[in-house]
């Protein structure tokens, strides 16, 4: 299974060097869940999803769980 990588200083999530999503803090999110994650940035519409989490680590885990669903 290919690994997902979140580059430090970047909000982009990469899979095999291709941007497949983003994880970032957004002031528009619920106050206790300001880390937003979104997938599907490479045109994988069937895998597109998003959500909000309390921490960066939780956002990374939620992204990975969503992305790995087939």
N, C-alpha and C. Protein backbone atom coordinates (compact mmCIF):
# COMPACT_ATOMS: atom_id res chain seq x y z
N UNK A 1 0.86 -1.17 0.00
CA UNK A 1 0.00 0.00 0.00
C UNK A 1 0.91 1.24 0.00
N UNK A 2 0.67 2.20 -0.93
CA UNK A 2 1.49 3.41 -0.96
C UNK A 2 1.31 4.20 0.33
N UNK A 3 2.38 4.88 0.72
CA UNK A 3 2.29 5.67 1.95
C UNK A 3 1.85 7.09 1.63
N UNK A 4 1.16 7.69 2.59
CA UNK A 4 0.76 9.08 2.48
C UNK A 4 1.80 9.91 3.23
N UNK A 5 2.09 11.12 2.75
CA UNK A 5 3.07 11.96 3.39
C UNK A 5 2.53 13.39 3.47
N UNK A 6 2.58 13.97 4.67
CA UNK A 6 2.25 15.38 4.85
C UNK A 6 3.57 16.11 4.96
N UNK A 7 3.84 16.99 4.01
CA UNK A 7 5.09 17.73 4.03
C UNK A 7 5.00 18.85 5.05
N UNK A 8 6.01 18.97 5.91
CA UNK A 8 6.07 20.05 6.89
C UNK A 8 6.10 21.37 6.14
N UNK A 9 5.63 22.43 6.60
CA UNK A 9 5.61 23.74 5.94
C UNK A 9 4.73 23.74 4.69
N UNK A 10 3.96 22.71 4.52
CA UNK A 10 3.04 22.63 3.40
C UNK A 10 1.77 21.96 3.90
N UNK A 11 0.66 22.34 3.36
CA UNK A 11 -0.60 21.71 3.75
C UNK A 11 -0.92 20.53 2.86
N UNK A 12 -0.09 20.27 1.87
CA UNK A 12 -0.38 19.22 0.90
C UNK A 12 -0.08 17.83 1.43
N UNK A 13 -0.97 16.90 1.12
CA UNK A 13 -0.75 15.48 1.40
C UNK A 13 -0.38 14.85 0.07
N UNK A 14 0.74 14.11 0.06
CA UNK A 14 1.23 13.50 -1.17
C UNK A 14 1.12 11.98 -1.10
N UNK A 15 0.83 11.39 -2.24
CA UNK A 15 0.90 9.94 -2.41
C UNK A 15 1.72 9.70 -3.66
N UNK A 16 2.85 9.03 -3.51
CA UNK A 16 3.76 8.80 -4.64
C UNK A 16 4.15 10.09 -5.34
N UNK A 17 4.34 11.16 -4.56
CA UNK A 17 4.78 12.44 -5.11
C UNK A 17 3.67 13.28 -5.73
N UNK A 18 2.43 12.83 -5.68
CA UNK A 18 1.30 13.53 -6.27
C UNK A 18 0.42 14.09 -5.15
N UNK A 19 0.00 15.34 -5.26
CA UNK A 19 -0.88 15.94 -4.26
C UNK A 19 -2.25 15.27 -4.34
N UNK A 20 -2.70 14.70 -3.22
CA UNK A 20 -4.01 14.05 -3.18
C UNK A 20 -4.95 14.70 -2.18
N UNK A 21 -4.43 15.68 -1.41
CA UNK A 21 -5.28 16.35 -0.45
C UNK A 21 -4.53 17.43 0.31
N UNK A 22 -5.23 18.00 1.31
CA UNK A 22 -4.65 19.06 2.12
C UNK A 22 -5.10 18.89 3.57
N UNK A 23 -4.23 19.31 4.48
CA UNK A 23 -4.55 19.37 5.91
C UNK A 23 -4.06 20.72 6.40
N UNK A 24 -4.96 21.50 7.02
CA UNK A 24 -4.58 22.85 7.42
C UNK A 24 -5.54 23.37 8.49
N UNK A 25 -5.11 24.42 9.19
CA UNK A 25 -5.95 25.09 10.18
C UNK A 25 -6.79 26.13 9.46
N UNK A 26 -8.08 26.17 9.78
CA UNK A 26 -8.96 27.16 9.17
C UNK A 26 -9.81 27.85 10.24
N UNK A 27 -9.85 29.18 10.22
CA UNK A 27 -10.66 29.89 11.20
C UNK A 27 -12.17 29.71 10.98
N UNK A 28 -12.56 29.21 9.83
CA UNK A 28 -13.98 29.01 9.52
C UNK A 28 -14.52 27.71 10.13
N UNK A 29 -13.65 26.88 10.68
CA UNK A 29 -14.05 25.59 11.25
C UNK A 29 -14.63 25.79 12.64
N UNK A 30 -15.33 24.78 13.15
CA UNK A 30 -15.78 24.84 14.54
C UNK A 30 -14.58 25.08 15.45
N UNK A 31 -14.72 25.89 16.47
CA UNK A 31 -13.59 26.32 17.29
C UNK A 31 -12.79 25.17 17.90
N UNK A 32 -13.44 24.12 18.32
CA UNK A 32 -12.74 23.00 18.94
C UNK A 32 -12.21 21.98 17.92
N UNK A 33 -12.44 22.24 16.64
CA UNK A 33 -11.99 21.32 15.58
C UNK A 33 -11.48 22.14 14.39
N UNK A 34 -10.39 22.86 14.58
CA UNK A 34 -9.92 23.80 13.57
C UNK A 34 -9.03 23.18 12.49
N UNK A 35 -8.64 21.94 12.63
CA UNK A 35 -7.82 21.30 11.60
C UNK A 35 -8.75 20.67 10.55
N UNK A 36 -8.68 21.17 9.35
CA UNK A 36 -9.50 20.64 8.25
C UNK A 36 -8.65 19.73 7.37
N UNK A 37 -9.24 18.65 6.94
CA UNK A 37 -8.59 17.78 5.96
C UNK A 37 -9.55 17.60 4.78
N UNK A 38 -8.99 17.51 3.60
CA UNK A 38 -9.79 17.33 2.39
C UNK A 38 -9.00 16.48 1.41
N UNK A 39 -9.66 15.51 0.81
CA UNK A 39 -9.01 14.63 -0.17
C UNK A 39 -9.67 14.79 -1.52
N UNK A 40 -9.04 14.21 -2.53
CA UNK A 40 -9.59 14.24 -3.88
C UNK A 40 -9.00 15.31 -4.76
N UNK A 41 -7.88 15.89 -4.35
CA UNK A 41 -7.28 16.98 -5.12
C UNK A 41 -6.58 16.52 -6.40
N UNK A 42 -6.49 15.24 -6.59
CA UNK A 42 -5.85 14.73 -7.81
C UNK A 42 -6.88 14.24 -8.82
N UNK A 43 -8.14 14.59 -8.61
CA UNK A 43 -9.19 14.17 -9.54
C UNK A 43 -9.87 12.88 -9.14
N UNK A 44 -9.46 12.29 -8.01
CA UNK A 44 -10.08 11.05 -7.53
C UNK A 44 -11.40 11.39 -6.85
N UNK A 45 -12.40 11.74 -7.63
CA UNK A 45 -13.67 12.20 -7.09
C UNK A 45 -14.33 11.13 -6.23
N UNK A 46 -14.21 9.88 -6.59
CA UNK A 46 -14.84 8.82 -5.79
C UNK A 46 -14.20 8.73 -4.41
N UNK A 47 -13.00 9.28 -4.25
CA UNK A 47 -12.32 9.26 -2.96
C UNK A 47 -12.36 10.63 -2.29
N UNK A 48 -13.07 11.59 -2.84
CA UNK A 48 -13.12 12.93 -2.27
C UNK A 48 -13.93 12.93 -0.97
N UNK A 49 -13.38 13.57 0.04
CA UNK A 49 -14.04 13.68 1.34
C UNK A 49 -13.38 14.82 2.10
N UNK A 50 -13.99 15.22 3.21
CA UNK A 50 -13.38 16.23 4.06
C UNK A 50 -13.93 16.11 5.47
N UNK A 51 -13.23 16.75 6.40
CA UNK A 51 -13.68 16.74 7.78
C UNK A 51 -12.87 17.70 8.62
N UNK A 52 -13.25 17.82 9.88
CA UNK A 52 -12.58 18.71 10.83
C UNK A 52 -12.18 17.90 12.05
N UNK A 53 -10.99 18.17 12.57
CA UNK A 53 -10.50 17.47 13.75
C UNK A 53 -9.86 18.45 14.72
N UNK A 54 -9.67 18.01 15.96
CA UNK A 54 -9.12 18.87 17.01
C UNK A 54 -7.62 19.07 16.89
N UNK A 55 -6.91 18.06 16.37
CA UNK A 55 -5.45 18.15 16.27
C UNK A 55 -4.98 17.77 14.87
N UNK A 56 -3.76 18.17 14.57
CA UNK A 56 -3.16 17.82 13.28
C UNK A 56 -3.05 16.30 13.14
N UNK A 57 -2.64 15.64 14.21
CA UNK A 57 -2.50 14.19 14.18
C UNK A 57 -3.83 13.50 13.91
N UNK A 58 -4.89 14.00 14.54
CA UNK A 58 -6.23 13.43 14.32
C UNK A 58 -6.68 13.67 12.88
N UNK A 59 -6.36 14.83 12.34
CA UNK A 59 -6.71 15.13 10.94
C UNK A 59 -5.95 14.21 9.99
N UNK A 60 -4.68 13.95 10.29
CA UNK A 60 -3.89 13.04 9.46
C UNK A 60 -4.48 11.63 9.50
N UNK A 61 -4.87 11.18 10.68
CA UNK A 61 -5.45 9.84 10.82
C UNK A 61 -6.79 9.75 10.09
N UNK A 62 -7.62 10.77 10.22
CA UNK A 62 -8.93 10.76 9.55
C UNK A 62 -8.75 10.79 8.04
N UNK A 63 -7.80 11.59 7.55
CA UNK A 63 -7.52 11.63 6.12
C UNK A 63 -7.10 10.24 5.64
N UNK A 64 -6.14 9.64 6.33
CA UNK A 64 -5.64 8.33 5.90
C UNK A 64 -6.75 7.28 5.91
N UNK A 65 -7.56 7.27 6.94
CA UNK A 65 -8.67 6.31 7.00
C UNK A 65 -9.63 6.50 5.84
N UNK A 66 -9.98 7.73 5.55
CA UNK A 66 -10.88 8.03 4.44
C UNK A 66 -10.24 7.67 3.10
N UNK A 67 -8.99 8.01 2.92
CA UNK A 67 -8.31 7.80 1.64
C UNK A 67 -8.13 6.33 1.33
N UNK A 68 -7.94 5.53 2.35
CA UNK A 68 -7.67 4.11 2.13
C UNK A 68 -8.93 3.29 1.92
N UNK A 69 -10.11 3.90 2.11
CA UNK A 69 -11.36 3.18 1.80
C UNK A 69 -11.43 2.94 0.31
N UNK A 70 -11.88 1.81 -0.07
CA UNK A 70 -12.02 1.51 -1.52
C UNK A 70 -13.47 1.53 -1.90
